[in-house]
């Protein structure tokens, strides 16, 4: 069992962060694995796997590099650096950290990923391994992630918002629940991070980050360059069910009554949500969501209240009645159905 020793200060300062590079690395790992965790991932693989395999077939050194770097229980450390956690971190800046890895460090990390087995002769003396890794990740980003990055980002933001809400109501034990296999709080400053038997690590003074990705991939990372403050990260697959709780379809009648955007907001407000959550869940812009909220408030269908630093919106009784009415549909016409007798209905089956 692997675990990290985390001080109370480190855990208290822990935060969630998004990383375009982590999302791209997760996509690369999925392409490398070649199997899908769910139908949506299967469709994505069907669209991109042939081009990926053709890309590696034309570049044998990079294909060998990937096979050595992405192992079943360990990734080459230089390939999965811990994000900085900066809100404005972009993909080129993150990728530069891989590209700047000293070649000797990259080779040592590959040997570690291979569990001490010798590095293949074709890679043993190459000085371009970090550059090759960066070029491949840039290809994966541009071809398979960037085209739908806005949607992916909304899903990731929704997951972070949902886990932040769990953190506020149940602490880190609740926020970490179900994050990745083998991850759980053990108490006594110990966070179990894996079911595998990895050496314990002390994170005193390190920045602790939790990074969601949309592919069903998970790994641990930390920075080893010595040039930036120490950071450790848990990269985990976001949960669609958690990120979008209780999100029923918007009834067509409600869309006809209010418009699609406004109806979507009203349906989501069966439970309190902030403007930021609504933006993440609906994919609408902040200005559009703000206008919808104002119209719904003026109509008496929603109300707002302050909770700490957040302003939360929720349907009023009138709003509940509107949603319930359109969801129930029109009253049946014709004579009423016979009243069932005790224990048995007079209606045929």
C-alpha atoms as a PDB file:
ATOM      1  CA  UNK A   1       0.000   0.000   0.000  1.00  0.00           C
ATOM      2  CA  UNK A   2       1.400   3.411  -0.956  1.00  0.00           C
ATOM      3  CA  UNK A   3       0.689   6.490   1.123  1.00  0.00           C
ATOM      4  CA  UNK A   4       1.693  10.128   1.490  1.00  0.00           C
ATOM      5  CA  UNK A   5       2.311  11.787   4.830  1.00  0.00           C
ATOM      6  CA  UNK A   6       0.542  15.129   4.726  1.00  0.00           C
ATOM      7  CA  UNK A   7       0.631  17.812   7.385  1.00  0.00           C
ATOM      8  CA  UNK A   8      -2.560  19.573   8.405  1.00  0.00           C
ATOM      9  CA  UNK A   9      -1.283  22.780   6.778  1.00  0.00           C
ATOM     10  CA  UNK A  10      -0.584  20.997   3.479  1.00  0.00           C
ATOM     11  CA  UNK A  11      -4.044  19.446   3.410  1.00  0.00           C
ATOM     12  CA  UNK A  12      -5.727  22.699   4.408  1.00  0.00           C
ATOM     13  CA  UNK A  13      -3.988  24.455   1.507  1.00  0.00           C
ATOM     14  CA  UNK A  14      -4.807  21.635  -0.950  1.00  0.00           C
ATOM     15  CA  UNK A  15      -6.841  22.681  -3.942  1.00  0.00           C
ATOM     16  CA  UNK A  16      -8.385  21.470  -7.169  1.00  0.00           C
ATOM     17  CA  UNK A  17      -6.811  22.543 -10.452  1.00  0.00           C
ATOM     18  CA  UNK A  18      -7.316  22.061 -14.184  1.00  0.00           C
ATOM     19  CA  UNK A  19      -4.464  21.137 -16.504  1.00  0.00           C
ATOM     20  CA  UNK A  20      -4.643  20.984 -20.310  1.00  0.00           C
ATOM     21  CA  UNK A  21      -1.445  18.905 -20.248  1.00  0.00           C
ATOM     22  CA  UNK A  22      -2.948  16.378 -17.807  1.00  0.00           C
ATOM     23  CA  UNK A  23      -6.022  16.099 -20.040  1.00  0.00           C
ATOM     24  CA  UNK A  24      -3.767  15.508 -23.047  1.00  0.00           C
ATOM     25  CA  UNK A  25      -1.630  12.953 -21.204  1.00  0.00           C
ATOM     26  CA  UNK A  26      -4.819  11.118 -20.197  1.00  0.00           C
ATOM     27  CA  UNK A  27      -5.851  11.096 -23.855  1.00  0.00           C
ATOM     28  CA  UNK A  28      -2.420   9.715 -24.814  1.00  0.00           C
ATOM     29  CA  UNK A  29      -2.711   6.981 -22.174  1.00  0.00           C
ATOM     30  CA  UNK A  30      -6.147   6.038 -23.532  1.00  0.00           C
ATOM     31  CA  UNK A  31      -4.806   5.863 -27.088  1.00  0.00           C
ATOM     32  CA  UNK A  32      -1.856   3.810 -25.872  1.00  0.00           C
ATOM     33  CA  UNK A  33      -4.170   1.413 -24.013  1.00  0.00           C
ATOM     34  CA  UNK A  34      -6.519   1.180 -27.006  1.00  0.00           C
ATOM     35  CA  UNK A  35      -9.538   0.085 -24.959  1.00  0.00           C
ATOM     36  CA  UNK A  36     -12.569   2.097 -23.892  1.00  0.00           C
ATOM     37  CA  UNK A  37     -14.112   2.439 -20.449  1.00  0.00           C
ATOM     38  CA  UNK A  38     -17.569   3.470 -21.752  1.00  0.00           C
ATOM     39  CA  UNK A  39     -19.398   4.010 -25.076  1.00  0.00           C
ATOM     40  CA  UNK A  40     -18.454   7.691 -25.297  1.00  0.00           C
ATOM     41  CA  UNK A  41     -14.772   6.817 -24.963  1.00  0.00           C
ATOM     42  CA  UNK A  42     -15.248   4.049 -27.543  1.00  0.00           C
ATOM     43  CA  UNK A  43     -16.567   6.566 -30.064  1.00  0.00           C
ATOM     44  CA  UNK A  44     -13.615   8.867 -29.364  1.00  0.00           C
ATOM     45  CA  UNK A  45     -11.161   5.985 -29.850  1.00  0.00           C
ATOM     46  CA  UNK A  46     -12.821   4.937 -33.106  1.00  0.00           C
ATOM     47  CA  UNK A  47     -12.349   8.485 -34.381  1.00  0.00           C
ATOM     48  CA  UNK A  48      -8.690   8.939 -33.373  1.00  0.00           C
ATOM     49  CA  UNK A  49      -6.986   5.573 -32.823  1.00  0.00           C
ATOM     50  CA  UNK A  50      -6.232   4.813 -36.504  1.00  0.00           C
ATOM     51  CA  UNK A  51      -4.422   8.134 -36.995  1.00  0.00           C
ATOM     52  CA  UNK A  52      -2.519   7.688 -33.731  1.00  0.00           C
ATOM     53  CA  UNK A  53      -1.324   4.219 -34.687  1.00  0.00           C
ATOM     54  CA  UNK A  54      -0.317   5.457 -38.131  1.00  0.00           C
ATOM     55  CA  UNK A  55       1.590   8.320 -36.479  1.00  0.00           C
ATOM     56  CA  UNK A  56       3.608   5.924 -34.309  1.00  0.00           C
ATOM     57  CA  UNK A  57       4.136   3.434 -37.130  1.00  0.00           C
ATOM     58  CA  UNK A  58       5.883   6.215 -39.034  1.00  0.00           C
ATOM     59  CA  UNK A  59       8.039   7.107 -36.017  1.00  0.00           C
ATOM     60  CA  UNK A  60       9.502   3.949 -34.410  1.00  0.00           C
ATOM     61  CA  UNK A  61      11.705   5.746 -31.819  1.00  0.00           C
ATOM     62  CA  UNK A  62       8.698   7.635 -30.445  1.00  0.00           C
ATOM     63  CA  UNK A  63       6.587   4.467 -30.441  1.00  0.00           C
ATOM     64  CA  UNK A  64       9.266   2.726 -28.381  1.00  0.00           C
ATOM     65  CA  UNK A  65       9.507   5.739 -26.075  1.00  0.00           C
ATOM     66  CA  UNK A  66       5.764   5.581 -25.361  1.00  0.00           C
ATOM     67  CA  UNK A  67       5.890   1.839 -24.653  1.00  0.00           C
ATOM     68  CA  UNK A  68       8.683   2.372 -22.140  1.00  0.00           C
ATOM     69  CA  UNK A  69       7.184   5.512 -20.527  1.00  0.00           C
ATOM     70  CA  UNK A  70       3.600   4.352 -19.949  1.00  0.00           C
ATOM     71  CA  UNK A  71       3.730   1.184 -17.884  1.00  0.00           C
ATOM     72  CA  UNK A  72       0.831  -0.578 -16.108  1.00  0.00           C
ATOM     73  CA  UNK A  73       1.853   0.596 -12.610  1.00  0.00           C
ATOM     74  CA  UNK A  74       4.298   3.454 -13.229  1.00  0.00           C
ATOM     75  CA  UNK A  75       4.722   6.362 -15.652  1.00  0.00           C
ATOM     76  CA  UNK A  76       8.042   7.944 -16.530  1.00  0.00           C
ATOM     77  CA  UNK A  77       8.094  10.887 -14.131  1.00  0.00           C
ATOM     78  CA  UNK A  78       9.255  13.491 -16.665  1.00  0.00           C
ATOM     79  CA  UNK A  79       6.215  12.742 -18.832  1.00  0.00           C
ATOM     80  CA  UNK A  80       3.696  13.548 -16.066  1.00  0.00           C
ATOM     81  CA  UNK A  81       4.879  16.672 -14.220  1.00  0.00           C
ATOM     82  CA  UNK A  82       2.661  18.064 -11.473  1.00  0.00           C
ATOM     83  CA  UNK A  83       0.705  21.133 -12.662  1.00  0.00           C
ATOM     84  CA  UNK A  84       1.489  24.497 -11.140  1.00  0.00           C
ATOM     85  CA  UNK A  85      -2.134  25.019 -10.137  1.00  0.00           C
ATOM     86  CA  UNK A  86      -2.183  28.490 -11.712  1.00  0.00           C
ATOM     87  CA  UNK A  87      -5.603  29.425 -13.044  1.00  0.00           C
ATOM     88  CA  UNK A  88      -4.123  30.792 -16.290  1.00  0.00           C
ATOM     89  CA  UNK A  89      -1.792  27.861 -17.013  1.00  0.00           C
ATOM     90  CA  UNK A  90      -1.930  27.075 -20.739  1.00  0.00           C
ATOM     91  CA  UNK A  91      -0.864  24.038 -22.716  1.00  0.00           C
ATOM     92  CA  UNK A  92       2.307  25.474 -24.348  1.00  0.00           C
ATOM     93  CA  UNK A  93       3.680  26.589 -20.976  1.00  0.00           C
ATOM     94  CA  UNK A  94       3.013  23.178 -19.437  1.00  0.00           C
ATOM     95  CA  UNK A  95       4.477  21.368 -22.429  1.00  0.00           C
ATOM     96  CA  UNK A  96       7.672  23.432 -22.190  1.00  0.00           C
ATOM     97  CA  UNK A  97       8.449  21.761 -18.862  1.00  0.00           C
ATOM     98  CA  UNK A  98       8.589  18.361 -20.583  1.00  0.00           C
ATOM     99  CA  UNK A  99      10.599  19.728 -23.490  1.00  0.00           C
ATOM    100  CA  UNK A 100      13.142  21.261 -21.068  1.00  0.00           C
ATOM    101  CA  UNK A 101      13.797  17.974 -19.236  1.00  0.00           C
ATOM    102  CA  UNK A 102      17.517  17.065 -19.313  1.00  0.00           C
ATOM    103  CA  UNK A 103      17.982  13.980 -21.539  1.00  0.00           C
ATOM    104  CA  UNK A 104      19.786  12.090 -18.759  1.00  0.00           C
ATOM    105  CA  UNK A 105      16.809  12.670 -16.440  1.00  0.00           C
ATOM    106  CA  UNK A 106      14.392  11.390 -19.079  1.00  0.00           C
ATOM    107  CA  UNK A 107      16.445   8.227 -19.578  1.00  0.00           C
ATOM    108  CA  UNK A 108      16.656   7.611 -15.819  1.00  0.00           C
ATOM    109  CA  UNK A 109      12.885   8.062 -15.508  1.00  0.00           C
ATOM    110  CA  UNK A 110      12.328   5.537 -18.290  1.00  0.00           C
ATOM    111  CA  UNK A 111      14.514   2.979 -16.522  1.00  0.00           C
ATOM    112  CA  UNK A 112      12.488   3.563 -13.341  1.00  0.00           C
ATOM    113  CA  UNK A 113       9.246   3.022 -15.283  1.00  0.00           C
ATOM    114  CA  UNK A 114      10.700  -0.213 -16.619  1.00  0.00           C
ATOM    115  CA  UNK A 115      11.233  -1.371 -13.013  1.00  0.00           C
ATOM    116  CA  UNK A 116      14.979  -1.404 -13.434  1.00  0.00           C
ATOM    117  CA  UNK A 117      15.067  -3.289 -16.727  1.00  0.00           C
ATOM    118  CA  UNK A 118      17.661  -1.994 -19.208  1.00  0.00           C
ATOM    119  CA  UNK A 119      16.577   0.773 -21.530  1.00  0.00           C
ATOM    120  CA  UNK A 120      16.262  -0.536 -25.100  1.00  0.00           C
ATOM    121  CA  UNK A 121      19.420   0.077 -27.114  1.00  0.00           C
ATOM    122  CA  UNK A 122      17.525   2.265 -29.587  1.00  0.00           C
ATOM    123  CA  UNK A 123      16.831   4.783 -26.785  1.00  0.00           C
ATOM    124  CA  UNK A 124      19.906   4.369 -24.617  1.00  0.00           C
ATOM    125  CA  UNK A 125      21.972   7.226 -26.041  1.00  0.00           C
ATOM    126  CA  UNK A 126      19.328   9.487 -27.551  1.00  0.00           C
ATOM    127  CA  UNK A 127      19.342  13.130 -26.459  1.00  0.00           C
ATOM    128  CA  UNK A 128      16.006  13.949 -28.097  1.00  0.00           C
ATOM    129  CA  UNK A 129      13.642  11.912 -25.907  1.00  0.00           C
ATOM    130  CA  UNK A 130      12.050  14.924 -24.114  1.00  0.00           C
ATOM    131  CA  UNK A 131      11.562  16.679 -27.458  1.00  0.00           C
ATOM    132  CA  UNK A 132       9.993  13.572 -29.000  1.00  0.00           C
ATOM    133  CA  UNK A 133       7.615  13.234 -26.050  1.00  0.00           C
ATOM    134  CA  UNK A 134       6.650  16.913 -26.325  1.00  0.00           C
ATOM    135  CA  UNK A 135       6.049  16.689 -30.068  1.00  0.00           C
ATOM    136  CA  UNK A 136       3.790  13.659 -29.630  1.00  0.00           C
ATOM    137  CA  UNK A 137       1.812  15.292 -26.811  1.00  0.00           C
ATOM    138  CA  UNK A 138       1.386  18.417 -28.945  1.00  0.00           C
ATOM    139  CA  UNK A 139       0.024  16.213 -31.757  1.00  0.00           C
ATOM    140  CA  UNK A 140      -2.442  14.527 -29.367  1.00  0.00           C
ATOM    141  CA  UNK A 141      -3.520  17.930 -28.011  1.00  0.00           C
ATOM    142  CA  UNK A 142      -4.146  19.510 -31.405  1.00  0.00           C
ATOM    143  CA  UNK A 143      -5.768  16.465 -33.020  1.00  0.00           C
ATOM    144  CA  UNK A 144      -7.834  14.910 -30.226  1.00  0.00           C
ATOM    145  CA  UNK A 145      -8.293  17.331 -27.308  1.00  0.00           C
ATOM    146  CA  UNK A 146      -8.250  20.950 -28.502  1.00  0.00           C
ATOM    147  CA  UNK A 147     -11.250  20.625 -30.871  1.00  0.00           C
ATOM    148  CA  UNK A 148     -13.593  19.910 -27.930  1.00  0.00           C
ATOM    149  CA  UNK A 149     -11.571  21.479 -25.117  1.00  0.00           C
ATOM    150  CA  UNK A 150     -14.343  24.008 -24.214  1.00  0.00           C
ATOM    151  CA  UNK A 151     -16.755  21.117 -23.559  1.00  0.00           C
ATOM    152  CA  UNK A 152     -14.136  19.111 -21.684  1.00  0.00           C
ATOM    153  CA  UNK A 153     -13.325  22.148 -19.576  1.00  0.00           C
ATOM    154  CA  UNK A 154     -16.984  22.615 -18.615  1.00  0.00           C
ATOM    155  CA  UNK A 155     -17.192  18.977 -17.501  1.00  0.00           C
ATOM    156  CA  UNK A 156     -13.994  19.343 -15.461  1.00  0.00           C
ATOM    157  CA  UNK A 157     -15.187  22.581 -13.857  1.00  0.00           C
ATOM    158  CA  UNK A 158     -18.486  20.948 -12.936  1.00  0.00           C
ATOM    159  CA  UNK A 159     -16.629  18.087 -11.239  1.00  0.00           C
ATOM    160  CA  UNK A 160     -14.474  20.526  -9.278  1.00  0.00           C
ATOM    161  CA  UNK A 161     -17.542  22.485  -8.198  1.00  0.00           C
ATOM    162  CA  UNK A 162     -19.289  19.310  -7.065  1.00  0.00           C
ATOM    163  CA  UNK A 163     -16.272  18.099  -5.082  1.00  0.00           C
ATOM    164  CA  UNK A 164     -15.782  21.550  -3.582  1.00  0.00           C
ATOM    165  CA  UNK A 165     -19.368  21.383  -2.363  1.00  0.00           C
ATOM    166  CA  UNK A 166     -18.607  17.993  -0.811  1.00  0.00           C
ATOM    167  CA  UNK A 167     -15.534  19.467   0.809  1.00  0.00           C
ATOM    168  CA  UNK A 168     -17.624  22.216   2.363  1.00  0.00           C
ATOM    169  CA  UNK A 169     -20.235  19.840   3.733  1.00  0.00           C
ATOM    170  CA  UNK A 170     -18.184  16.777   4.669  1.00  0.00           C
ATOM    171  CA  UNK A 171     -14.505  17.771   4.704  1.00  0.00           C
ATOM    172  CA  UNK A 172     -11.695  16.142   2.771  1.00  0.00           C
ATOM    173  CA  UNK A 173     -12.902  12.608   3.588  1.00  0.00           C
ATOM    174  CA  UNK A 174     -16.092  13.295   1.609  1.00  0.00           C
ATOM    175  CA  UNK A 175     -14.306  15.207  -1.162  1.00  0.00           C
ATOM    176  CA  UNK A 176     -11.845  12.352  -1.741  1.00  0.00           C
ATOM    177  CA  UNK A 177     -14.491   9.620  -1.691  1.00  0.00           C
ATOM    178  CA  UNK A 178     -14.515   7.700  -4.959  1.00  0.00           C
ATOM    179  CA  UNK A 179     -11.840   9.907  -6.521  1.00  0.00           C
ATOM    180  CA  UNK A 180      -9.591   7.060  -7.662  1.00  0.00           C
ATOM    181  CA  UNK A 181      -9.124   3.373  -6.734  1.00  0.00           C
ATOM    182  CA  UNK A 182      -7.031   2.967  -3.605  1.00  0.00           C
ATOM    183  CA  UNK A 183      -7.324   6.607  -2.509  1.00  0.00           C
ATOM    184  CA  UNK A 184      -8.637   7.227   0.993  1.00  0.00           C
ATOM    185  CA  UNK A 185      -7.805   9.204   4.116  1.00  0.00           C
ATOM    186  CA  UNK A 186      -6.188   6.932   6.731  1.00  0.00           C
ATOM    187  CA  UNK A 187      -5.943   9.490   9.522  1.00  0.00           C
ATOM    188  CA  UNK A 188      -2.794  10.365  11.455  1.00  0.00           C
ATOM    189  CA  UNK A 189      -1.655  12.640   8.602  1.00  0.00           C
ATOM    190  CA  UNK A 190      -1.656   9.755   6.120  1.00  0.00           C
ATOM    191  CA  UNK A 191      -3.341   9.724   2.720  1.00  0.00           C
ATOM    192  CA  UNK A 192      -3.423   6.329   1.015  1.00  0.00           C
ATOM    193  CA  UNK A 193      -2.818   7.113  -2.623  1.00  0.00           C
ATOM    194  CA  UNK A 194      -2.561   3.660  -4.159  1.00  0.00           C
ATOM    195  CA  UNK A 195      -3.246   0.012  -3.490  1.00  0.00           C
ATOM    196  CA  UNK A 196       0.189  -0.756  -4.956  1.00  0.00           C
ATOM    197  CA  UNK A 197       3.182  -1.103  -2.677  1.00  0.00           C
ATOM    198  CA  UNK A 198       4.932   2.212  -3.397  1.00  0.00           C
ATOM    199  CA  UNK A 199       7.373   3.859  -0.978  1.00  0.00           C
ATOM    200  CA  UNK A 200       5.811   6.378   1.423  1.00  0.00           C
ATOM    201  CA  UNK A 201       6.468  10.047   0.650  1.00  0.00           C
ATOM    202  CA  UNK A 202       6.426  13.050   2.967  1.00  0.00           C
ATOM    203  CA  UNK A 203       4.700  16.100   1.553  1.00  0.00           C
ATOM    204  CA  UNK A 204       5.580  18.601   4.248  1.00  0.00           C
ATOM    205  CA  UNK A 205       5.739  22.036   2.620  1.00  0.00           C
ATOM    206  CA  UNK A 206       4.629  20.748  -0.788  1.00  0.00           C
ATOM    207  CA  UNK A 207       1.629  22.112  -2.616  1.00  0.00           C
ATOM    208  CA  UNK A 208      -1.054  19.414  -2.926  1.00  0.00           C
ATOM    209  CA  UNK A 209      -3.251  19.452  -6.035  1.00  0.00           C
ATOM    210  CA  UNK A 210      -6.201  17.356  -7.194  1.00  0.00           C
ATOM    211  CA  UNK A 211      -6.546  17.396 -10.986  1.00  0.00           C
ATOM    212  CA  UNK A 212      -9.578  15.931 -12.818  1.00  0.00           C
ATOM    213  CA  UNK A 213      -9.391  14.573 -16.384  1.00  0.00           C
ATOM    214  CA  UNK A 214     -12.271  13.383 -18.565  1.00  0.00           C
ATOM    215  CA  UNK A 215     -10.702  10.085 -19.810  1.00  0.00           C
ATOM    216  CA  UNK A 216     -10.882   7.179 -17.376  1.00  0.00           C
ATOM    217  CA  UNK A 217      -7.229   7.527 -16.385  1.00  0.00           C
ATOM    218  CA  UNK A 218      -5.516   8.236 -13.079  1.00  0.00           C
ATOM    219  CA  UNK A 219      -1.955   8.716 -11.862  1.00  0.00           C
ATOM    220  CA  UNK A 220       0.209  10.495  -9.293  1.00  0.00           C
ATOM    221  CA  UNK A 221       2.769  13.147 -10.134  1.00  0.00           C
ATOM    222  CA  UNK A 222       5.265  15.490  -8.549  1.00  0.00           C
ATOM    223  CA  UNK A 223       7.850  17.969  -9.753  1.00  0.00           C
ATOM    224  CA  UNK A 224      11.502  17.008  -9.529  1.00  0.00           C
ATOM    225  CA  UNK A 225      13.199  19.901 -11.312  1.00  0.00           C
ATOM    226  CA  UNK A 226      14.207  21.725  -8.127  1.00  0.00           C
ATOM    227  CA  UNK A 227      13.543  25.047  -9.873  1.00  0.00           C
ATOM    228  CA  UNK A 228       9.941  25.495  -8.741  1.00  0.00           C
ATOM    229  CA  UNK A 229       8.219  25.101  -5.346  1.00  0.00           C
ATOM    230  CA  UNK A 230       7.541  21.426  -4.534  1.00  0.00           C
ATOM    231  CA  UNK A 231       4.171  20.140  -5.733  1.00  0.00           C
ATOM    232  CA  UNK A 232       2.420  16.790  -5.699  1.00  0.00           C
ATOM    233  CA  UNK A 233      -0.757  15.979  -7.608  1.00  0.00           C
ATOM    234  CA  UNK A 234      -3.437  13.313  -7.734  1.00  0.00           C
ATOM    235  CA  UNK A 235      -4.818  13.107 -11.273  1.00  0.00           C
ATOM    236  CA  UNK A 236      -8.211  11.408 -11.249  1.00  0.00           C
ATOM    237  CA  UNK A 237     -11.037  10.646 -13.705  1.00  0.00           C
ATOM    238  CA  UNK A 238     -13.917  13.043 -13.182  1.00  0.00           C
ATOM    239  CA  UNK A 239     -17.327  11.588 -12.473  1.00  0.00           C
ATOM    240  CA  UNK A 240     -20.113  12.655 -14.789  1.00  0.00           C
ATOM    241  CA  UNK A 241     -22.713  11.573 -12.235  1.00  0.00           C
ATOM    242  CA  UNK A 242     -21.028  13.653  -9.565  1.00  0.00           C
ATOM    243  CA  UNK A 243     -20.321  16.604 -11.790  1.00  0.00           C
ATOM    244  CA  UNK A 244     -23.892  16.827 -13.036  1.00  0.00           C
ATOM    245  CA  UNK A 245     -26.068  15.625 -10.141  1.00  0.00           C
ATOM    246  CA  UNK A 246     -29.805  15.284 -10.625  1.00  0.00           C
ATOM    247  CA  UNK A 247     -29.762  16.765 -14.112  1.00  0.00           C
ATOM    248  CA  UNK A 248     -33.015  15.694 -15.761  1.00  0.00           C
ATOM    249  CA  UNK A 249     -33.759  16.529 -19.403  1.00  0.00           C
ATOM    250  CA  UNK A 250     -35.418  19.860 -20.063  1.00  0.00           C
ATOM    251  CA  UNK A 251     -39.095  19.283 -21.000  1.00  0.00           C
ATOM    252  CA  UNK A 252     -40.014  20.500 -24.453  1.00  0.00           C
ATOM    253  CA  UNK A 253     -43.031  22.363 -23.121  1.00  0.00           C
ATOM    254  CA  UNK A 254     -40.819  24.318 -20.709  1.00  0.00           C
ATOM    255  CA  UNK A 255     -38.423  25.170 -23.541  1.00  0.00           C
ATOM    256  CA  UNK A 256     -41.350  26.443 -25.607  1.00  0.00           C
ATOM    257  CA  UNK A 257     -42.543  28.531 -22.655  1.00  0.00           C
ATOM    258  CA  UNK A 258     -39.248  30.048 -21.495  1.00  0.00           C
ATOM    259  CA  UNK A 259     -36.677  29.406 -24.214  1.00  0.00           C
ATOM    260  CA  UNK A 260     -34.019  26.714 -24.135  1.00  0.00           C
ATOM    261  CA  UNK A 261     -31.369  28.517 -22.088  1.00  0.00           C
ATOM    262  CA  UNK A 262     -33.742  29.838 -19.442  1.00  0.00           C
ATOM    263  CA  UNK A 263     -35.554  26.491 -19.159  1.00  0.00           C
ATOM    264  CA  UNK A 264     -32.238  24.670 -18.623  1.00  0.00           C
ATOM    265  CA  UNK A 265     -31.343  27.033 -15.778  1.00  0.00           C
ATOM    266  CA  UNK A 266     -34.735  26.616 -14.098  1.00  0.00           C
ATOM    267  CA  UNK A 267     -34.564  22.810 -14.294  1.00  0.00           C
ATOM    268  CA  UNK A 268     -31.094  22.773 -12.710  1.00  0.00           C
ATOM    269  CA  UNK A 269     -32.230  24.900  -9.782  1.00  0.00           C
ATOM    270  CA  UNK A 270     -34.109  22.107  -8.050  1.00  0.00           C
ATOM    271  CA  UNK A 271     -31.078  22.212  -5.722  1.00  0.00           C
ATOM    272  CA  UNK A 272     -29.186  25.408  -4.837  1.00  0.00           C
ATOM    273  CA  UNK A 273     -26.463  26.377  -7.294  1.00  0.00           C
ATOM    274  CA  UNK A 274     -24.215  29.358  -7.848  1.00  0.00           C
ATOM    275  CA  UNK A 275     -23.869  31.292 -11.085  1.00  0.00           C
ATOM    276  CA  UNK A 276     -20.481  29.653 -11.658  1.00  0.00           C
ATOM    277  CA  UNK A 277     -21.981  26.184 -11.298  1.00  0.00           C
ATOM    278  CA  UNK A 278     -24.751  27.030 -13.747  1.00  0.00           C
ATOM    279  CA  UNK A 279     -22.215  28.295 -16.289  1.00  0.00           C
ATOM    280  CA  UNK A 280     -20.231  25.063 -15.969  1.00  0.00           C
ATOM    281  CA  UNK A 281     -23.285  22.796 -16.161  1.00  0.00           C
ATOM    282  CA  UNK A 282     -25.138  24.523 -18.997  1.00  0.00           C
ATOM    283  CA  UNK A 283     -22.197  25.611 -21.140  1.00  0.00           C
ATOM    284  CA  UNK A 284     -23.782  29.049 -21.473  1.00  0.00           C
ATOM    285  CA  UNK A 285     -21.800  32.250 -21.008  1.00  0.00           C
ATOM    286  CA  UNK A 286     -21.714  34.111 -17.718  1.00  0.00           C
ATOM    287  CA  UNK A 287     -23.680  37.038 -19.166  1.00  0.00           C
ATOM    288  CA  UNK A 288     -26.392  34.784 -20.569  1.00  0.00           C
ATOM    289  CA  UNK A 289     -26.816  32.897 -17.293  1.00  0.00           C
ATOM    290  CA  UNK A 290     -26.948  36.183 -15.389  1.00  0.00           C
ATOM    291  CA  UNK A 291     -29.726  37.498 -17.648  1.00  0.00           C
ATOM    292  CA  UNK A 292     -31.698  34.256 -17.306  1.00  0.00           C
ATOM    293  CA  UNK A 293     -31.425  34.433 -13.510  1.00  0.00           C
ATOM    294  CA  UNK A 294     -32.647  38.024 -13.469  1.00  0.00           C
ATOM    295  CA  UNK A 295     -35.704  37.227 -15.623  1.00  0.00           C
ATOM    296  CA  UNK A 296     -36.557  34.153 -13.544  1.00  0.00           C
ATOM    297  CA  UNK A 297     -36.238  36.169 -10.314  1.00  0.00           C
ATOM    298  CA  UNK A 298     -38.429  38.961 -11.685  1.00  0.00           C
ATOM    299  CA  UNK A 299     -41.041  36.326 -12.550  1.00  0.00           C
ATOM    300  CA  UNK A 300     -40.914  34.919  -9.021  1.00  0.00           C
ATOM    301  CA  UNK A 301     -39.749  31.492 -10.205  1.00  0.00           C
ATOM    302  CA  UNK A 302     -36.425  31.513  -8.342  1.00  0.00           C
ATOM    303  CA  UNK A 303     -34.962  33.188  -5.273  1.00  0.00           C
ATOM    304  CA  UNK A 304     -31.422  33.725  -4.090  1.00  0.00           C
ATOM    305  CA  UNK A 305     -29.611  33.647  -0.772  1.00  0.00           C
ATOM    306  CA  UNK A 306     -26.036  34.168   0.356  1.00  0.00           C
ATOM    307  CA  UNK A 307     -24.007  31.235   1.704  1.00  0.00           C
ATOM    308  CA  UNK A 308     -20.610  32.422   2.881  1.00  0.00           C
ATOM    309  CA  UNK A 309     -18.950  34.081  -0.113  1.00  0.00           C
ATOM    310  CA  UNK A 310     -21.322  32.482  -2.614  1.00  0.00           C
ATOM    311  CA  UNK A 311     -24.762  33.521  -3.814  1.00  0.00           C
ATOM    312  CA  UNK A 312     -26.978  30.484  -4.390  1.00  0.00           C
ATOM    313  CA  UNK A 313     -30.165  30.314  -6.462  1.00  0.00           C
ATOM    314  CA  UNK A 314     -33.058  27.889  -6.077  1.00  0.00           C
ATOM    315  CA  UNK A 315     -36.585  27.472  -7.406  1.00  0.00           C
ATOM    316  CA  UNK A 316     -39.417  29.054  -5.419  1.00  0.00           C
ATOM    317  CA  UNK A 317     -42.741  27.291  -4.842  1.00  0.00           C
ATOM    318  CA  UNK A 318     -43.998  28.970  -8.024  1.00  0.00           C
ATOM    319  CA  UNK A 319     -40.974  27.711  -9.946  1.00  0.00           C
ATOM    320  CA  UNK A 320     -41.512  24.207  -8.587  1.00  0.00           C
ATOM    321  CA  UNK A 321     -45.139  24.343  -9.689  1.00  0.00           C
ATOM    322  CA  UNK A 322     -44.203  25.381 -13.235  1.00  0.00           C
ATOM    323  CA  UNK A 323     -41.617  22.607 -13.622  1.00  0.00           C
ATOM    324  CA  UNK A 324     -43.941  20.045 -12.061  1.00  0.00           C
ATOM    325  CA  UNK A 325     -46.815  21.059 -14.349  1.00  0.00           C
ATOM    326  CA  UNK A 326     -44.876  20.730 -17.597  1.00  0.00           C
ATOM    327  CA  UNK A 327     -43.175  17.526 -16.440  1.00  0.00           C
ATOM    328  CA  UNK A 328     -46.503  15.900 -15.544  1.00  0.00           C
ATOM    329  CA  UNK A 329     -47.947  16.671 -18.977  1.00  0.00           C
ATOM    330  CA  UNK A 330     -51.609  17.343 -19.850  1.00  0.00           C
ATOM    331  CA  UNK A 331     -54.452  15.846 -17.882  1.00  0.00           C
ATOM    332  CA  UNK A 332     -55.889  12.692 -19.525  1.00  0.00           C
ATOM    333  CA  UNK A 333     -59.119  13.196 -21.464  1.00  0.00           C
ATOM    334  CA  UNK A 334     -62.205  10.955 -21.461  1.00  0.00           C
ATOM    335  CA  UNK A 335     -63.948   9.169 -18.607  1.00  0.00           C
ATOM    336  CA  UNK A 336     -61.995   8.453 -15.447  1.00  0.00           C
ATOM    337  CA  UNK A 337     -60.397   5.045 -15.011  1.00  0.00           C
ATOM    338  CA  UNK A 338     -62.239   2.569 -12.797  1.00  0.00           C
ATOM    339  CA  UNK A 339     -61.235   2.718  -9.170  1.00  0.00           C
ATOM    340  CA  UNK A 340     -59.135  -0.324  -8.247  1.00  0.00           C
ATOM    341  CA  UNK A 341     -60.502  -2.627  -5.599  1.00  0.00           C
ATOM    342  CA  UNK A 342     -58.403  -3.633  -2.618  1.00  0.00           C
ATOM    343  CA  UNK A 343     -55.493  -5.832  -3.677  1.00  0.00           C
ATOM    344  CA  UNK A 344     -56.561  -6.162  -7.285  1.00  0.00           C
ATOM    345  CA  UNK A 345     -57.156  -3.743 -10.137  1.00  0.00           C
ATOM    346  CA  UNK A 346     -60.254  -4.034 -12.315  1.00  0.00           C
ATOM    347  CA  UNK A 347     -58.190  -2.731 -15.278  1.00  0.00           C
ATOM    348  CA  UNK A 348     -56.825  -5.333 -17.672  1.00  0.00           C
ATOM    349  CA  UNK A 349     -53.084  -5.737 -17.996  1.00  0.00           C
END
